[in-house]
C-alpha atoms as a PDB file:
ATOM      1  CA  MET A   1     -18.238   1.488 -11.564  1.00  0.00           C
ATOM      2  CA  GLN A   2     -17.420   2.238 -14.298  1.00  0.00           C
ATOM      3  CA  LYS A   3     -15.042   4.697 -12.933  1.00  0.00           C
ATOM      4  CA  GLU A   4     -13.651   2.364 -10.991  1.00  0.00           C
ATOM      5  CA  ASN A   5     -13.209  -0.229 -14.045  1.00  0.00           C
ATOM      6  CA  SER A   6     -11.053   2.548 -15.832  1.00  0.00           C
ATOM      7  CA  ILE A   7      -9.479   2.983 -12.776  1.00  0.00           C
ATOM      8  CA  ARG A   8      -8.459  -0.756 -12.318  1.00  0.00           C
ATOM      9  CA  ASN A   9      -7.579  -1.149 -15.847  1.00  0.00           C
ATOM     10  CA  ASP A  10      -5.233   1.623 -15.991  1.00  0.00           C
ATOM     11  CA  PHE A  11      -3.777   0.140 -12.551  1.00  0.00           C
ATOM     12  CA  LEU A  12      -3.039  -3.096 -14.381  1.00  0.00           C
ATOM     13  CA  GLU A  13      -1.502  -1.682 -17.393  1.00  0.00           C
ATOM     14  CA  LEU A  14       1.087   0.603 -15.051  1.00  0.00           C
ATOM     15  CA  LEU A  15       1.958  -2.567 -12.677  1.00  0.00           C
ATOM     16  CA  ASN A  16       2.337  -4.256 -16.616  1.00  0.00           C
ATOM     17  CA  ARG A  17       4.760  -1.740 -17.588  1.00  0.00           C
ATOM     18  CA  ASN A  18       7.321  -2.870 -14.376  1.00  0.00           C
ATOM     19  CA  PRO A  19       7.119   0.877 -12.921  1.00  0.00           C
ATOM     20  CA  ARG A  20       8.867   2.539 -10.146  1.00  0.00           C
ATOM     21  CA  GLU A  21       7.380   1.664  -6.645  1.00  0.00           C
ATOM     22  CA  GLU A  22       6.909   6.254  -6.632  1.00  0.00           C
ATOM     23  CA  ASP A  23       4.794   5.875 -10.160  1.00  0.00           C
ATOM     24  CA  ILE A  24       2.597   3.441  -8.112  1.00  0.00           C
ATOM     25  CA  HIS A  25       2.223   5.350  -5.200  1.00  0.00           C
ATOM     26  CA  GLN A  26       1.767   8.663  -7.058  1.00  0.00           C
ATOM     27  CA  PHE A  27      -1.025   6.782  -9.583  1.00  0.00           C
ATOM     28  CA  ILE A  28      -2.901   5.777  -5.838  1.00  0.00           C
ATOM     29  CA  VAL A  29      -2.510   9.562  -4.981  1.00  0.00           C
ATOM     30  CA  ARG A  30      -4.601  10.153  -7.176  1.00  0.00           C
ATOM     31  CA  ASN A  31      -7.118   7.581  -7.340  1.00  0.00           C
ATOM     32  CA  PRO A  32      -7.608   7.087  -3.609  1.00  0.00           C
ATOM     33  CA  ILE A  33     -10.341   4.076  -3.941  1.00  0.00           C
ATOM     34  CA  LEU A  34      -7.256   1.861  -4.726  1.00  0.00           C
ATOM     35  CA  ILE A  35      -6.485   1.567  -0.585  1.00  0.00           C
ATOM     36  CA  ALA A  36      -9.618   2.829   0.655  1.00  0.00           C
ATOM     37  CA  GLY A  37     -11.132  -1.076   0.342  1.00  0.00           C
ATOM     38  CA  LEU A  38      -8.495  -1.844   2.297  1.00  0.00           C
ATOM     39  CA  ARG A  39      -9.714  -0.693   5.295  1.00  0.00           C
ATOM     40  CA  PHE A  40     -13.934  -0.576   5.783  1.00  0.00           C
ATOM     41  CA  GLY A  41     -14.235   3.282   7.787  1.00  0.00           C
ATOM     42  CA  ALA A  42     -11.442   5.039   6.083  1.00  0.00           C
ATOM     43  CA  LYS A  43     -12.392   8.422   6.233  1.00  0.00           C
ATOM     44  CA  ARG A  44      -8.520  10.466   5.788  1.00  0.00           C
ATOM     45  CA  ILE A  45      -6.210   8.630   3.084  1.00  0.00           C
ATOM     46  CA  PHE A  46      -2.135  10.534   4.242  1.00  0.00           C
ATOM     47  CA  SER A  47       0.574   9.815   2.044  1.00  0.00           C
ATOM     48  CA  LYS A  48       4.075   9.279   2.875  1.00  0.00           C
ATOM     49  CA  PRO A  49       3.275  10.081   7.173  1.00  0.00           C
ATOM     50  CA  ASN A  50       6.271   9.930   9.227  1.00  0.00           C
ATOM     51  CA  PHE A  51       6.954   8.054  12.641  1.00  0.00           C
ATOM     52  CA  GLY A  52       9.350  10.816  14.160  1.00  0.00           C
ATOM     53  CA  SER A  53      12.464  10.869  12.208  1.00  0.00           C
ATOM     54  CA  ASP A  54      13.125   7.317  11.370  1.00  0.00           C
ATOM     55  CA  PHE A  55      10.355   5.831   9.753  1.00  0.00           C
ATOM     56  CA  LYS A  56       8.017   7.257   6.689  1.00  0.00           C
ATOM     57  CA  ALA A  57       4.543   4.939   5.543  1.00  0.00           C
ATOM     58  CA  ASP A  58       3.706   5.090   2.186  1.00  0.00           C
ATOM     59  CA  PHE A  59       0.174   5.286   3.356  1.00  0.00           C
ATOM     60  CA  ALA A  60      -1.483   6.364   6.256  1.00  0.00           C
ATOM     61  CA  MET A  61      -5.596   5.661   7.174  1.00  0.00           C
ATOM     62  CA  ALA A  62      -7.321   7.247   9.406  1.00  0.00           C
ATOM     63  CA  GLY A  63     -11.053   5.165  10.928  1.00  0.00           C
ATOM     64  CA  TRP A  64     -12.994   6.796  13.324  1.00  0.00           C
ATOM     65  CA  GLY A  65     -17.044   6.822  14.936  1.00  0.00           C
ATOM     66  CA  ASN A  66     -16.337   4.706  18.391  1.00  0.00           C
ATOM     67  CA  TYR A  67     -13.142   5.142  18.225  1.00  0.00           C
ATOM     68  CA  ILE A  68      -9.564   6.088  15.667  1.00  0.00           C
ATOM     69  CA  SER A  69      -8.300   3.260  14.070  1.00  0.00           C
ATOM     70  CA  TRP A  70      -5.156   3.479  11.735  1.00  0.00           C
ATOM     71  CA  THR A  71      -4.287   1.396   9.086  1.00  0.00           C
ATOM     72  CA  PHE A  72      -0.405   1.781   7.644  1.00  0.00           C
ATOM     73  CA  VAL A  73      -0.436   0.658   3.443  1.00  0.00           C
ATOM     74  CA  GLU A  74       3.422  -0.450   2.546  1.00  0.00           C
ATOM     75  CA  ILE A  75       3.982  -0.503  -1.342  1.00  0.00           C
ATOM     76  CA  GLU A  76       6.565  -3.325  -2.276  1.00  0.00           C
ATOM     77  CA  ARG A  77       6.651  -4.625  -5.902  1.00  0.00           C
ATOM     78  CA  ALA A  78       4.199  -6.908  -7.535  1.00  0.00           C
ATOM     79  CA  ASP A  79       7.113  -9.673  -8.194  1.00  0.00           C
ATOM     80  CA  TYR A  80       8.462  -9.930  -5.465  1.00  0.00           C
ATOM     81  CA  LYS A  81       8.382 -13.773  -4.053  1.00  0.00           C
ATOM     82  CA  LEU A  82       6.829 -13.993  -0.396  1.00  0.00           C
ATOM     83  CA  PHE A  83       8.186 -17.625  -0.134  1.00  0.00           C
ATOM     84  CA  THR A  84      10.848 -19.348  -0.874  1.00  0.00           C
ATOM     85  CA  LYS A  85      10.422 -23.182  -3.205  1.00  0.00           C
ATOM     86  CA  GLU A  86      10.703 -24.159  -0.084  1.00  0.00           C
ATOM     87  CA  GLY A  87       8.069 -22.327   1.987  1.00  0.00           C
ATOM     88  CA  LEU A  88      10.334 -20.085   3.607  1.00  0.00           C
ATOM     89  CA  ILE A  89       9.999 -16.134   4.176  1.00  0.00           C
ATOM     90  CA  ALA A  90      11.568 -15.024   1.191  1.00  0.00           C
ATOM     91  CA  GLN A  91      13.939 -11.784   2.264  1.00  0.00           C
ATOM     92  CA  PRO A  92      12.018  -8.918   0.517  1.00  0.00           C
ATOM     93  CA  LEU A  93       8.720 -10.582   3.401  1.00  0.00           C
ATOM     94  CA  ASN A  94      10.995 -10.706   5.969  1.00  0.00           C
ATOM     95  CA  ARG A  95      12.272  -7.184   5.520  1.00  0.00           C
ATOM     96  CA  ALA A  96       8.745  -6.485   5.504  1.00  0.00           C
ATOM     97  CA  ILE A  97       8.341  -7.866   8.971  1.00  0.00           C
ATOM     98  CA  ALA A  98      10.800  -6.481  10.452  1.00  0.00           C
ATOM     99  CA  GLN A  99       9.931  -2.885   9.176  1.00  0.00           C
ATOM    100  CA  VAL A 100       6.923  -3.494  11.105  1.00  0.00           C
ATOM    101  CA  ASN A 101       7.947  -4.692  14.130  1.00  0.00           C
ATOM    102  CA  SER A 102      10.106  -1.444  13.732  1.00  0.00           C
END
């Protein structure tokens, strides 16, 4: 538990420095517990997997039991707004949705 708190504190310090996406990515590579909890039963985490020649996710997590399931993680800047003041989908979220649909 103490190690997890240390990782969490280090991650918050990193985020407060307005890091590049790659810095966040590498921190998660070194500390996969940060995303493993997003997918119950994640057995393997892959960094920057390719999907054909056109697409790449930041992370893919594979879980299995009775079947194999995948969870994909895309890192975006924490200061991006998801919605406008009018309640409409903001451009960064709109791009993320288009990325998923592609």
